PDB file of N, CA and C in Angstrom:
ATOM      1  N   ASP A   1     -24.749 -20.221  67.699  1.00  0.00           N
ATOM      2  CA  ASP A   1     -23.709 -19.286  67.098  1.00  0.00           C
ATOM      3  C   ASP A   1     -23.116 -19.005  68.235  1.00  0.00           C
ATOM      4  N   GLY A   2     -21.982 -17.996  67.775  1.00  0.00           N
ATOM      5  CA  GLY A   2     -20.929 -17.989  68.873  1.00  0.00           C
ATOM      6  C   GLY A   2     -21.700 -16.864  69.833  1.00  0.00           C
ATOM      7  N   GLY A   3     -22.284 -16.038  69.492  1.00  0.00           N
ATOM      8  CA  GLY A   3     -23.039 -14.477  70.306  1.00  0.00           C
ATOM      9  C   GLY A   3     -23.733 -15.358  71.115  1.00  0.00           C
ATOM     10  N   SER A   4     -24.577 -16.309  71.217  1.00  0.00           N
ATOM     11  CA  SER A   4     -25.724 -16.648  71.967  1.00  0.00           C
ATOM     12  C   SER A   4     -24.784 -17.720  72.768  1.00  0.00           C
ATOM     13  N   GLU A   5     -23.712 -18.412  72.813  1.00  0.00           N
ATOM     14  CA  GLU A   5     -22.898 -19.488  73.484  1.00  0.00           C
ATOM     15  C   GLU A   5     -22.139 -18.222  74.467  1.00  0.00           C
ATOM     16  N   ALA A   6     -22.049 -16.708  74.088  1.00  0.00           N
ATOM     17  CA  ALA A   6     -21.039 -16.373  74.588  1.00  0.00           C
ATOM     18  C   ALA A   6     -21.971 -15.902  76.016  1.00  0.00           C
ATOM     19  N   GLN A   7     -23.385 -15.496  75.480  1.00  0.00           N
ATOM     20  CA  GLN A   7     -23.971 -14.877  76.300  1.00  0.00           C
ATOM     21  C   GLN A   7     -24.130 -15.639  77.604  1.00  0.00           C
ATOM     22  N   ALA A   8     -24.114 -17.200  77.046  1.00  0.00           N
ATOM     23  CA  ALA A   8     -24.729 -18.033  78.075  1.00  0.00           C
ATOM     24  C   ALA A   8     -23.501 -18.233  79.244  1.00  0.00           C
ATOM     25  N   LEU A   9     -22.541 -18.058  78.489  1.00  0.00           N
ATOM     26  CA  LEU A   9     -20.856 -18.321  79.382  1.00  0.00           C
ATOM     27  C   LEU A   9     -21.417 -17.274  80.557  1.00  0.00           C
ATOM     28  N   VAL A  10     -21.734 -15.823  79.610  1.00  0.00           N
ATOM     29  CA  VAL A  10     -21.625 -14.661  80.677  1.00  0.00           C
ATOM     30  C   VAL A  10     -22.485 -15.266  81.902  1.00  0.00           C
ATOM     31  N   ALA A  11     -23.166 -15.453  81.565  1.00  0.00           N
ATOM     32  CA  ALA A  11     -24.771 -15.178  82.673  1.00  0.00           C
ATOM     33  C   ALA A  11     -24.578 -16.461  83.495  1.00  0.00           C
ATOM     34  N   THR A  12     -23.398 -17.939  83.308  1.00  0.00           N
ATOM     35  CA  THR A  12     -23.334 -18.597  84.075  1.00  0.00           C
ATOM     36  C   THR A  12     -22.491 -18.161  85.349  1.00  0.00           C
ATOM     37  N   ARG A  13     -22.711 -18.210  86.448  1.00  0.00           N
ATOM     38  CA  ARG A  13     -21.925 -17.610  87.758  1.00  0.00           C
ATOM     39  C   ARG A  13     -21.549 -18.870  88.296  1.00  0.00           C
ATOM     40  N   SER A  14     -20.598 -19.049  87.928  1.00  0.00           N
ATOM     41  CA  SER A  14     -19.523 -20.195  88.543  1.00  0.00           C
ATOM     42  C   SER A  14     -18.064 -19.702  88.423  1.00  0.00           C
ATOM     43  N   LEU A  15     -17.321 -20.440  89.205  1.00  0.00           N
ATOM     44  CA  LEU A  15     -15.613 -19.954  89.311  1.00  0.00           C
ATOM     45  C   LEU A  15     -15.622 -20.349  88.050  1.00  0.00           C
ATOM     46  N   ALA A  16     -15.403 -21.677  87.633  1.00  0.00           N
ATOM     47  CA  ALA A  16     -15.110 -22.595  85.997  1.00  0.00           C
ATOM     48  C   ALA A  16     -15.827 -21.543  84.971  1.00  0.00           C
ATOM     49  N   ALA A  17     -16.985 -20.707  85.379  1.00  0.00           N
ATOM     50  CA  ALA A  17     -17.640 -19.999  84.011  1.00  0.00           C
ATOM     51  C   ALA A  17     -16.551 -18.360  83.990  1.00  0.00           C
ATOM     52  N   ARG A  18     -16.270 -18.393  85.049  1.00  0.00           N
ATOM     53  CA  ARG A  18     -15.144 -17.107  85.415  1.00  0.00           C
ATOM     54  C   ARG A  18     -14.005 -17.176  84.649  1.00  0.00           C
ATOM     55  N   ALA A  19     -13.340 -18.609  85.095  1.00  0.00           N
ATOM     56  CA  ALA A  19     -12.028 -18.988  84.648  1.00  0.00           C
ATOM     57  C   ALA A  19     -11.581 -19.106  83.041  1.00  0.00           C
ATOM     58  N   LEU A  20     -12.981 -19.323  82.370  1.00  0.00           N
ATOM     59  CA  LEU A  20     -12.642 -19.630  81.221  1.00  0.00           C
ATOM     60  C   LEU A  20     -12.850 -18.385  80.308  1.00  0.00           C
ATOM     61  N   ILE A  21     -13.541 -17.388  81.074  1.00  0.00           N
ATOM     62  CA  ILE A  21     -13.761 -16.061  80.133  1.00  0.00           C
ATOM     63  C   ILE A  21     -12.631 -15.590  80.635  1.00  0.00           C
ATOM     64  N   GLU A  22     -11.750 -15.374  81.306  1.00  0.00           N
ATOM     65  CA  GLU A  22     -10.582 -15.018  81.377  1.00  0.00           C
ATOM     66  C   GLU A  22      -9.587 -15.556  80.849  1.00  0.00           C
ATOM     67  N   ARG A  23     -10.082 -16.665  80.532  1.00  0.00           N
ATOM     68  CA  ARG A  23      -8.710 -17.481  79.541  1.00  0.00           C
ATOM     69  C   ARG A  23      -9.027 -17.247  78.150  1.00  0.00           C
ATOM     70  N   ILE A  24     -10.245 -16.894  77.985  1.00  0.00           N
ATOM     71  CA  ILE A  24     -10.464 -16.394  76.561  1.00  0.00           C
ATOM     72  C   ILE A  24      -9.975 -14.896  76.142  1.00  0.00           C
ATOM     73  N   LEU A  25     -10.551 -14.172  76.994  1.00  0.00           N
ATOM     74  CA  LEU A  25      -9.950 -12.935  76.835  1.00  0.00           C
ATOM     75  C   LEU A  25      -7.962 -12.657  77.038  1.00  0.00           C
ATOM     76  N   TRP A  26      -7.889 -13.496  77.825  1.00  0.00           N
ATOM     77  CA  TRP A  26      -6.010 -13.185  78.224  1.00  0.00           C
ATOM     78  C   TRP A  26      -5.251 -14.241  77.103  1.00  0.00           C
ATOM     79  N   GLU A  27      -5.770 -15.290  77.263  1.00  0.00           N
ATOM     80  CA  GLU A  27      -4.846 -16.257  76.546  1.00  0.00           C
ATOM     81  C   GLU A  27      -5.285 -16.912  75.581  1.00  0.00           C
ATOM     82  N   GLY A  28      -4.820 -15.737  74.485  1.00  0.00           N
ATOM     83  CA  GLY A  28      -5.270 -16.034  72.997  1.00  0.00           C
ATOM     84  C   GLY A  28      -6.428 -15.904  72.596  1.00  0.00           C
ATOM     85  N   PHE A  29      -6.885 -16.838  71.647  1.00  0.00           N
ATOM     86  CA  PHE A  29      -8.259 -16.245  70.893  1.00  0.00           C
ATOM     87  C   PHE A  29      -8.205 -15.322  69.936  1.00  0.00           C
ATOM     88  N   ARG A  30      -6.775 -14.445  70.084  1.00  0.00           N
ATOM     89  CA  ARG A  30      -6.891 -12.961  69.394  1.00  0.00           C
ATOM     90  C   ARG A  30      -7.336 -12.998  68.081  1.00  0.00           C
ATOM     91  N   SER A  31      -6.949 -14.154  67.371  1.00  0.00           N
ATOM     92  CA  SER A  31      -7.758 -14.140  65.656  1.00  0.00           C
ATOM     93  C   SER A  31      -9.015 -15.081  65.783  1.00  0.00           C
ATOM     94  N   SER A  32      -9.997 -15.533  66.711  1.00  0.00           N
ATOM     95  CA  SER A  32     -10.892 -15.935  66.813  1.00  0.00           C
ATOM     96  C   SER A  32     -12.152 -14.683  67.178  1.00  0.00           C
ATOM     97  N   PRO A  33     -13.167 -15.085  66.171  1.00  0.00           N
ATOM     98  CA  PRO A  33     -14.549 -14.376  66.823  1.00  0.00           C
ATOM     99  C   PRO A  33     -15.065 -14.364  68.037  1.00  0.00           C
ATOM    100  N   ALA A  34     -14.167 -15.704  69.018  1.00  0.00           N
ATOM    101  CA  ALA A  34     -15.006 -15.750  70.572  1.00  0.00           C
ATOM    102  C   ALA A  34     -14.557 -14.812  71.154  1.00  0.00           C
ATOM    103  N   ARG A  35     -13.867 -13.637  71.199  1.00  0.00           N
ATOM    104  CA  ARG A  35     -13.168 -12.849  71.974  1.00  0.00           C
ATOM    105  C   ARG A  35     -14.358 -11.630  71.885  1.00  0.00           C
ATOM    106  N   GLY A  36     -14.621 -11.328  70.486  1.00  0.00           N
ATOM    107  CA  GLY A  36     -15.119 -10.334  70.298  1.00  0.00           C
ATOM    108  C   GLY A  36     -17.005 -10.769  70.918  1.00  0.00           C
ATOM    109  N   PHE A  37     -17.356 -12.034  70.542  1.00  0.00           N
ATOM    110  CA  PHE A  37     -18.667 -12.416  70.979  1.00  0.00           C
ATOM    111  C   PHE A  37     -18.706 -11.935  72.547  1.00  0.00           C
ATOM    112  N   LEU A  38     -17.624 -12.814  73.212  1.00  0.00           N
ATOM    113  CA  LEU A  38     -17.620 -12.330  74.565  1.00  0.00           C
ATOM    114  C   LEU A  38     -17.562 -10.988  75.186  1.00  0.00           C
ATOM    115  N   LEU A  39     -17.216  -9.910  74.497  1.00  0.00           N
ATOM    116  CA  LEU A  39     -16.425  -8.857  74.799  1.00  0.00           C
ATOM    117  C   LEU A  39     -17.889  -8.036  74.290  1.00  0.00           C
ATOM    118  N   SER A  40     -18.885  -8.269  73.494  1.00  0.00           N
ATOM    119  CA  SER A  40     -20.515  -8.202  73.348  1.00  0.00           C
ATOM    120  C   SER A  40     -21.158  -8.599  74.231  1.00  0.00           C
ATOM    121  N   ALA A  41     -21.097 -10.229  74.772  1.00  0.00           N
ATOM    122  CA  ALA A  41     -21.673 -10.300  75.681  1.00  0.00           C
ATOM    123  C   ALA A  41     -21.510 -10.088  77.191  1.00  0.00           C
ATOM    124  N   LEU A  42     -20.213  -9.315  77.492  1.00  0.00           N
ATOM    125  CA  LEU A  42     -20.204  -8.499  78.638  1.00  0.00           C
ATOM    126  C   LEU A  42     -20.488  -7.203  78.942  1.00  0.00           C
ATOM    127  N   ALA A  43     -20.645  -6.537  77.466  1.00  0.00           N
ATOM    128  CA  ALA A  43     -21.454  -5.207  77.570  1.00  0.00           C
ATOM    129  C   ALA A  43     -22.588  -5.132  77.383  1.00  0.00           C
ATOM    130  N   GLU A  44     -23.167  -6.198  77.505  1.00  0.00           N
ATOM    131  CA  GLU A  44     -24.951  -6.606  76.998  1.00  0.00           C
ATOM    132  C   GLU A  44     -25.437  -6.843  78.725  1.00  0.00           C
ATOM    133  N   ASP A  45     -24.224  -7.624  79.484  1.00  0.00           N
ATOM    134  CA  ASP A  45     -24.737  -8.007  80.858  1.00  0.00           C
ATOM    135  C   ASP A  45     -24.745  -7.113  81.895  1.00  0.00           C
ATOM    136  N   PRO A  46     -26.237  -7.094  82.448  1.00  0.00           N
ATOM    137  CA  PRO A  46     -25.972  -6.013  83.469  1.00  0.00           C
ATOM    138  C   PRO A  46     -24.996  -5.752  85.019  1.00  0.00           C
ATOM    139  N   THR A  47     -24.791  -6.959  84.846  1.00  0.00           N
ATOM    140  CA  THR A  47     -24.434  -7.485  86.417  1.00  0.00           C
ATOM    141  C   THR A  47     -22.906  -6.840  86.945  1.00  0.00           C
ATOM    142  N   PRO A  48     -22.674  -6.423  87.995  1.00  0.00           N
ATOM    143  CA  PRO A  48     -21.252  -5.823  88.476  1.00  0.00           C
ATOM    144  C   PRO A  48     -20.031  -6.949  87.942  1.00  0.00           C
ATOM    145  N   PHE A  49     -20.471  -8.389  88.025  1.00  0.00           N
ATOM    146  CA  PHE A  49     -18.887  -9.189  86.912  1.00  0.00           C
ATOM    147  C   PHE A  49     -18.862  -8.826  85.680  1.00  0.00           C
ATOM    148  N   ALA A  50     -19.887  -8.405  85.001  1.00  0.00           N
ATOM    149  CA  ALA A  50     -19.597  -8.175  83.728  1.00  0.00           C
ATOM    150  C   ALA A  50     -18.996  -7.235  83.342  1.00  0.00           C
ATOM    151  N   HIS A  51     -19.438  -5.690  84.520  1.00  0.00           N
ATOM    152  CA  HIS A  51     -18.993  -4.290  84.660  1.00  0.00           C
ATOM    153  C   HIS A  51     -17.169  -4.557  84.692  1.00  0.00           C
ATOM    154  N   GLU A  52     -17.290  -5.202  85.802  1.00  0.00           N
ATOM    155  CA  GLU A  52     -15.812  -5.546  86.082  1.00  0.00           C
ATOM    156  C   GLU A  52     -14.826  -6.108  85.227  1.00  0.00           C
ATOM    157  N   LEU A  53     -15.041  -6.938  84.729  1.00  0.00           N
ATOM    158  CA  LEU A  53     -14.206  -7.775  83.247  1.00  0.00           C
ATOM    159  C   LEU A  53     -14.240  -7.074  82.105  1.00  0.00           C
ATOM    160  N   LEU A  54     -15.377  -6.155  81.878  1.00  0.00           N
ATOM    161  CA  LEU A  54     -15.035  -5.179  80.600  1.00  0.00           C
ATOM    162  C   LEU A  54     -13.872  -4.222  81.036  1.00  0.00           C
ATOM    163  N   ALA A  55     -14.056  -3.752  82.290  1.00  0.00           N
ATOM    164  CA  ALA A  55     -13.178  -2.419  82.843  1.00  0.00           C
ATOM    165  C   ALA A  55     -11.702  -3.045  82.901  1.00  0.00           C
ATOM    166  N   VAL A  56     -12.006  -4.386  83.056  1.00  0.00           N
ATOM    167  CA  VAL A  56      -9.914  -4.257  83.219  1.00  0.00           C
ATOM    168  C   VAL A  56      -9.363  -4.859  81.870  1.00  0.00           C
ATOM    169  N   CYS A  57     -10.651  -5.195  80.737  1.00  0.00           N
ATOM    170  CA  CYS A  57     -10.251  -5.480  79.191  1.00  0.00           C
ATOM    171  C   CYS A  57     -10.003  -3.825  78.750  1.00  0.00           C
ATOM    172  N   VAL A  58     -10.357  -3.047  79.954  1.00  0.00           N
ATOM    173  CA  VAL A  58      -9.905  -1.569  78.876  1.00  0.00           C
ATOM    174  C   VAL A  58      -8.781  -0.860  79.904  1.00  0.00           C
ATOM    175  N   ARG A  59      -8.715  -1.576  80.819  1.00  0.00           N
ATOM    176  CA  ARG A  59      -7.679  -1.140  81.549  1.00  0.00           C
ATOM    177  C   ARG A  59      -6.539  -1.505  81.226  1.00  0.00           C
ATOM    178  N   GLN A  60      -6.223  -2.704  81.178  1.00  0.00           N
ATOM    179  CA  GLN A  60      -5.225  -3.309  81.150  1.00  0.00           C
ATOM    180  C   GLN A  60      -4.077  -2.228  79.388  1.00  0.00           C
ATOM    181  N   ALA A  61      -2.912  -2.887  79.616  1.00  0.00           N
ATOM    182  CA  ALA A  61      -2.277  -2.013  78.683  1.00  0.00           C
ATOM    183  C   ALA A  61      -1.069  -3.023  78.188  1.00  0.00           C
ATOM    184  N   VAL A  62      -1.182  -4.613  78.283  1.00  0.00           N
ATOM    185  CA  VAL A  62      -0.710  -5.135  77.664  1.00  0.00           C
ATOM    186  C   VAL A  62      -1.164  -5.323  76.441  1.00  0.00           C
ATOM    187  N   ASP A  63      -2.301  -5.753  76.178  1.00  0.00           N
ATOM    188  CA  ASP A  63      -2.741  -6.150  74.332  1.00  0.00           C
ATOM    189  C   ASP A  63      -3.860  -5.000  74.290  1.00  0.00           C
ATOM    190  N   ALA A  64      -3.145  -3.957  73.496  1.00  0.00           N
ATOM    191  CA  ALA A  64      -3.862  -3.026  72.983  1.00  0.00           C
ATOM    192  C   ALA A  64      -5.239  -3.449  72.006  1.00  0.00           C
ATOM    193  N   ASP A  65      -4.935  -4.780  71.609  1.00  0.00           N
ATOM    194  CA  ASP A  65      -6.247  -5.279  70.519  1.00  0.00           C
ATOM    195  C   ASP A  65      -7.301  -5.476  71.246  1.00  0.00           C
ATOM    196  N   LEU A  66      -6.991  -6.031  72.730  1.00  0.00           N
ATOM    197  CA  LEU A  66      -8.378  -6.458  73.775  1.00  0.00           C
ATOM    198  C   LEU A  66      -8.774  -5.109  74.129  1.00  0.00           C
ATOM    199  N   ALA A  67      -7.806  -4.007  74.718  1.00  0.00           N
ATOM    200  CA  ALA A  67      -8.449  -2.913  75.189  1.00  0.00           C
ATOM    201  C   ALA A  67      -9.474  -2.223  74.036  1.00  0.00           C
ATOM    202  N   LEU A  68      -8.778  -2.128  72.570  1.00  0.00           N
ATOM    203  CA  LEU A  68      -9.614  -1.374  71.746  1.00  0.00           C
ATOM    204  C   LEU A  68     -10.842  -2.270  71.263  1.00  0.00           C
ATOM    205  N   ALA A  69     -11.145  -3.498  71.373  1.00  0.00           N
ATOM    206  CA  ALA A  69     -12.409  -4.351  70.901  1.00  0.00           C
ATOM    207  C   ALA A  69     -13.173  -4.195  72.231  1.00  0.00           C
ATOM    208  N   ALA A  70     -12.753  -3.670  73.465  1.00  0.00           N
ATOM    209  CA  ALA A  70     -13.631  -3.426  75.046  1.00  0.00           C
ATOM    210  C   ALA A  70     -14.493  -2.036  74.398  1.00  0.00           C
ATOM    211  N   LEU A  71     -13.347  -1.027  74.355  1.00  0.00           N
ATOM    212  CA  LEU A  71     -13.772   0.278  74.028  1.00  0.00           C
ATOM    213  C   LEU A  71     -14.963   0.105  73.134  1.00  0.00           C
ATOM    214  N   ARG A  72     -14.606  -0.777  72.086  1.00  0.00           N
ATOM    215  CA  ARG A  72     -15.418  -0.374  70.693  1.00  0.00           C
ATOM    216  C   ARG A  72     -16.943  -1.278  71.493  1.00  0.00           C
ATOM    217  N   VAL A  73     -17.003  -1.669  72.108  1.00  0.00           N
ATOM    218  CA  VAL A  73     -18.100  -1.903  72.737  1.00  0.00           C
ATOM    219  C   VAL A  73     -18.929  -1.553  73.830  1.00  0.00           C
ATOM    220  N   TRP A  74     -18.191  -0.594  74.306  1.00  0.00           N
ATOM    221  CA  TRP A  74     -18.445   0.213  75.710  1.00  0.00           C
ATOM    222  C   TRP A  74     -20.214   0.936  75.839  1.00  0.00           C
ATOM    223  N   PRO A  75     -20.453   0.187  76.693  1.00  0.00           N
ATOM    224  CA  PRO A  75     -22.106   0.413  76.709  1.00  0.00           C
ATOM    225  C   PRO A  75     -22.638   1.997  77.185  1.00  0.00           C
ATOM    226  N   ALA A  76     -23.113   2.893  76.691  1.00  0.00           N
ATOM    227  CA  ALA A  76     -23.531   3.932  77.117  1.00  0.00           C
ATOM    228  C   ALA A  76     -24.344   3.759  78.534  1.00  0.00           C
ATOM    229  N   GLY A  77     -23.925   4.869  79.159  1.00  0.00           N
ATOM    230  CA  GLY A  77     -24.895   4.718  80.570  1.00  0.00           C
ATOM    231  C   GLY A  77     -23.540   4.330  81.390  1.00  0.00           C
ATOM    232  N   ARG A  78     -22.724   3.502  81.050  1.00  0.00           N
ATOM    233  CA  ARG A  78     -21.825   2.923  82.216  1.00  0.00           C
ATOM    234  C   ARG A  78     -20.684   3.727  82.922  1.00  0.00           C
ATOM    235  N   GLU A  79     -20.345   3.457  84.122  1.00  0.00           N
ATOM    236  CA  GLU A  79     -19.292   4.287  84.703  1.00  0.00           C
ATOM    237  C   GLU A  79     -18.092   4.459  84.002  1.00  0.00           C
ATOM    238  N   LEU A  80     -17.603   5.460  83.964  1.00  0.00           N
ATOM    239  CA  LEU A  80     -16.247   5.781  82.656  1.00  0.00           C
ATOM    240  C   LEU A  80     -15.028   5.926  83.312  1.00  0.00           C
ATOM    241  N   ALA A  81     -14.789   5.557  84.406  1.00  0.00           N
ATOM    242  CA  ALA A  81     -13.387   5.685  85.187  1.00  0.00           C
ATOM    243  C   ALA A  81     -12.272   4.798  84.557  1.00  0.00           C
ATOM    244  N   ALA A  82     -12.668   3.269  83.819  1.00  0.00           N
ATOM    245  CA  ALA A  82     -11.725   2.772  83.159  1.00  0.00           C
ATOM    246  C   ALA A  82     -11.433   3.161  81.813  1.00  0.00           C
ATOM    247  N   VAL A  83     -12.674   3.943  81.145  1.00  0.00           N
ATOM    248  CA  VAL A  83     -12.238   4.730  79.985  1.00  0.00           C
ATOM    249  C   VAL A  83     -11.350   6.028  80.077  1.00  0.00           C
ATOM    250  N   GLU A  84     -11.666   6.453  81.219  1.00  0.00           N
ATOM    251  CA  GLU A  84     -10.982   7.467  81.291  1.00  0.00           C
ATOM    252  C   GLU A  84      -9.226   7.546  81.643  1.00  0.00           C
ATOM    253  N   HIS A  85      -8.748   6.316  82.485  1.00  0.00           N
ATOM    254  CA  HIS A  85      -7.648   5.814  82.342  1.00  0.00           C
ATOM    255  C   HIS A  85      -7.104   5.210  81.220  1.00  0.00           C
ATOM    256  N   ALA A  86      -7.777   4.516  80.052  1.00  0.00           N
ATOM    257  CA  ALA A  86      -7.236   4.326  78.931  1.00  0.00           C
ATOM    258  C   ALA A  86      -6.951   5.485  77.653  1.00  0.00           C
ATOM    259  N   TRP A  87      -7.692   6.462  78.278  1.00  0.00           N
ATOM    260  CA  TRP A  87      -7.638   8.149  77.460  1.00  0.00           C
ATOM    261  C   TRP A  87      -5.846   8.337  77.818  1.00  0.00           C
ATOM    262  N   HIS A  88      -5.905   8.243  79.177  1.00  0.00           N
ATOM    263  CA  HIS A  88      -4.547   8.826  79.505  1.00  0.00           C
ATOM    264  C   HIS A  88      -3.678   8.111  79.384  1.00  0.00           C
ATOM    265  N   PHE A  89      -3.668   6.483  79.585  1.00  0.00           N
ATOM    266  CA  PHE A  89      -2.663   5.334  80.059  1.00  0.00           C
ATOM    267  C   PHE A  89      -2.810   4.533  78.980  1.00  0.00           C
ATOM    268  N   GLY A  90      -3.671   4.875  77.863  1.00  0.00           N
ATOM    269  CA  GLY A  90      -4.118   3.124  76.648  1.00  0.00           C
ATOM    270  C   GLY A  90      -2.653   2.921  76.124  1.00  0.00           C
ATOM    271  N   ALA A  91      -3.040   1.837  75.991  1.00  0.00           N
ATOM    272  CA  ALA A  91      -1.262   1.126  75.001  1.00  0.00           C
ATOM    273  C   ALA A  91      -1.537   1.377  73.748  1.00  0.00           C
ATOM    274  N   GLY A  92      -1.392   2.820  73.363  1.00  0.00           N
ATOM    275  CA  GLY A  92      -0.985   3.260  71.726  1.00  0.00           C
ATOM    276  C   GLY A  92      -1.938   4.367  71.850  1.00  0.00           C
ATOM    277  N   ALA A  93      -1.698   4.832  70.400  1.00  0.00           N
ATOM    278  CA  ALA A  93      -2.856   6.339  70.031  1.00  0.00           C
ATOM    279  C   ALA A  93      -3.699   5.502  69.829  1.00  0.00           C
ATOM    280  N   GLU A  94      -4.402   4.259  69.041  1.00  0.00           N
ATOM    281  CA  GLU A  94      -5.617   4.320  68.448  1.00  0.00           C
ATOM    282  C   GLU A  94      -6.304   3.846  69.948  1.00  0.00           C
ATOM    283  N   VAL A  95      -5.848   3.181  70.643  1.00  0.00           N
ATOM    284  CA  VAL A  95      -6.741   3.101  72.106  1.00  0.00           C
ATOM    285  C   VAL A  95      -7.233   4.616  72.865  1.00  0.00           C
ATOM    286  N   ARG A  96      -6.249   5.162  72.769  1.00  0.00           N
ATOM    287  CA  ARG A  96      -6.620   6.622  73.640  1.00  0.00           C
ATOM    288  C   ARG A  96      -7.462   7.336  72.635  1.00  0.00           C
ATOM    289  N   ALA A  97      -7.737   7.119  71.573  1.00  0.00           N
ATOM    290  CA  ALA A  97      -8.401   8.128  70.201  1.00  0.00           C
ATOM    291  C   ALA A  97      -9.955   7.021  70.659  1.00  0.00           C
ATOM    292  N   GLN A  98      -9.913   5.822  70.533  1.00  0.00           N
ATOM    293  CA  GLN A  98     -11.556   5.019  70.917  1.00  0.00           C
ATOM    294  C   GLN A  98     -11.898   5.428  72.201  1.00  0.00           C
ATOM    295  N   ALA A  99     -11.148   5.747  73.431  1.00  0.00           N
ATOM    296  CA  ALA A  99     -11.565   5.865  74.657  1.00  0.00           C
ATOM    297  C   ALA A  99     -12.104   7.189  74.469  1.00  0.00           C
ATOM    298  N   GLU A 100     -11.232   8.056  73.524  1.00  0.00           N
ATOM    299  CA  GLU A 100     -11.417   9.442  73.742  1.00  0.00           C
ATOM    300  C   GLU A 100     -12.998   9.757  72.988  1.00  0.00           C
ATOM    301  N   ALA A 101     -13.151   9.015  71.788  1.00  0.00           N
ATOM    302  CA  ALA A 101     -14.424   8.839  71.301  1.00  0.00           C
ATOM    303  C   ALA A 101     -15.721   8.156  71.964  1.00  0.00           C
ATOM    304  N   VAL A 102     -15.041   7.535  72.687  1.00  0.00           N
ATOM    305  CA  VAL A 102     -16.752   6.922  74.175  1.00  0.00           C
ATOM    306  C   VAL A 102     -16.420   8.207  74.878  1.00  0.00           C
ATOM    307  N   LEU A 103     -15.901   8.769  75.960  1.00  0.00           N
ATOM    308  CA  LEU A 103     -16.269  10.120  76.574  1.00  0.00           C
ATOM    309  C   LEU A 103     -16.465  11.182  75.559  1.00  0.00           C
ATOM    310  N   ARG A 104     -16.608  11.592  74.591  1.00  0.00           N
ATOM    311  CA  ARG A 104     -17.116  12.350  73.771  1.00  0.00           C
ATOM    312  C   ARG A 104     -18.583  12.074  73.623  1.00  0.00           C
ATOM    313  N   ARG A 105     -18.890  10.683  73.370  1.00  0.00           N
ATOM    314  CA  ARG A 105     -19.911   9.808  73.040  1.00  0.00           C
ATOM    315  C   ARG A 105     -20.664  10.090  74.720  1.00  0.00           C
ATOM    316  N   GLU A 106     -20.535   9.770  75.386  1.00  0.00           N
ATOM    317  CA  GLU A 106     -20.972   9.985  76.981  1.00  0.00           C
ATOM    318  C   GLU A 106     -21.210  11.488  77.465  1.00  0.00           C
ATOM    319  N   ARG A 107     -20.231  12.277  77.359  1.00  0.00           N
ATOM    320  CA  ARG A 107     -19.937  13.453  77.711  1.00  0.00           C
ATOM    321  C   ARG A 107     -19.764  14.624  76.981  1.00  0.00           C
ATOM    322  N   PRO A 108     -20.662  14.794  75.905  1.00  0.00           N
ATOM    323  CA  PRO A 108     -20.839  15.831  74.900  1.00  0.00           C
ATOM    324  C   PRO A 108     -20.121  17.151  75.072  1.00  0.00           C
ATOM    325  N   ALA A 109     -21.236  17.476  76.627  1.00  0.00           N
ATOM    326  CA  ALA A 109     -21.207  18.702  77.099  1.00  0.00           C
ATOM    327  C   ALA A 109     -20.093  19.186  77.893  1.00  0.00           C
ATOM    328  N   ASP A 110     -18.753  18.118  77.912  1.00  0.00           N
ATOM    329  CA  ASP A 110     -17.670  18.285  78.661  1.00  0.00           C
ATOM    330  C   ASP A 110     -17.187  19.951  78.181  1.00  0.00           C
ATOM    331  N   PRO A 111     -16.809  20.637  79.292  1.00  0.00           N
ATOM    332  CA  PRO A 111     -16.445  21.601  78.800  1.00  0.00           C
ATOM    333  C   PRO A 111     -14.635  21.760  78.157  1.00  0.00           C
ATOM    334  N   LEU A 112     -14.034  20.463  78.472  1.00  0.00           N
ATOM    335  CA  LEU A 112     -12.998  19.898  77.943  1.00  0.00           C
ATOM    336  C   LEU A 112     -12.982  19.863  76.133  1.00  0.00           C
ATOM    337  N   TRP A 113     -14.102  19.083  76.009  1.00  0.00           N
ATOM    338  CA  TRP A 113     -14.383  19.091  74.619  1.00  0.00           C
ATOM    339  C   TRP A 113     -14.709  20.451  73.938  1.00  0.00           C
ATOM    340  N   ILE A 114     -15.274  21.364  74.182  1.00  0.00           N
ATOM    341  CA  ILE A 114     -16.148  22.087  73.874  1.00  0.00           C
ATOM    342  C   ILE A 114     -14.414  23.172  73.851  1.00  0.00           C
ATOM    343  N   ALA A 115     -13.554  23.319  75.041  1.00  0.00           N
ATOM    344  CA  ALA A 115     -12.214  24.401  74.899  1.00  0.00           C
ATOM    345  C   ALA A 115     -11.454  23.521  73.734  1.00  0.00           C
ATOM    346  N   ARG A 116     -11.182  22.037  73.627  1.00  0.00           N
ATOM    347  CA  ARG A 116     -10.658  21.753  72.457  1.00  0.00           C
ATOM    348  C   ARG A 116     -11.073  22.056  71.209  1.00  0.00           C
ATOM    349  N   GLU A 117     -12.171  22.566  71.035  1.00  0.00           N
ATOM    350  CA  GLU A 117     -12.754  22.295  69.745  1.00  0.00           C
ATOM    351  C   GLU A 117     -12.604  24.012  69.414  1.00  0.00           C
ATOM    352  N   VAL A 118     -12.177  24.984  70.752  1.00  0.00           N
ATOM    353  CA  VAL A 118     -12.368  26.220  70.438  1.00  0.00           C
ATOM    354  C   VAL A 118     -10.817  26.380  69.954  1.00  0.00           C
ATOM    355  N   LEU A 119     -10.062  26.023  70.669  1.00  0.00           N
ATOM    356  CA  LEU A 119      -8.541  25.910  70.535  1.00  0.00           C
ATOM    357  C   LEU A 119      -8.244  25.276  68.952  1.00  0.00           C
ATOM    358  N   VAL A 120      -8.995  24.480  68.645  1.00  0.00           N
ATOM    359  CA  VAL A 120      -7.901  23.602  66.855  1.00  0.00           C
ATOM    360  C   VAL A 120      -8.843  24.871  66.214  1.00  0.00           C
ATOM    361  N   ILE A 121     -10.040  25.676  66.109  1.00  0.00           N
ATOM    362  CA  ILE A 121     -10.112  26.268  65.195  1.00  0.00           C
ATOM    363  C   ILE A 121      -9.680  27.348  65.237  1.00  0.00           C
ATOM    364  N   ARG A 122      -9.013  28.325  66.315  1.00  0.00           N
ATOM    365  CA  ARG A 122      -8.407  29.134  65.973  1.00  0.00           C
ATOM    366  C   ARG A 122      -6.968  29.008  65.786  1.00  0.00           C
TER     367      ARG A 122
END
């Protein structure tokens, strides 16, 4: 199936595999499930290579659908700099809202969220 093919591609450590992954992410495949399978595989892969590509998908501001899809599969416990970037500078309100959802999930006790809740209630 597409999920196992995406995992095999992500697990392949070669320049050709990286070029193919980047092509799938950046050059089309918007209506294909290939992009979603690939993003899920990147989210599950523990290597710095996968972390870097997923973060780039979140940080870029050209393709809001790509950023949104990457945020939806963002794994728990991963560095949040890319998510914070998307929260501030994301390509649309939906991207920024999804980035906020990830930040709230990862940092539920952050004083910012507590202050926002207090201000909204009053």
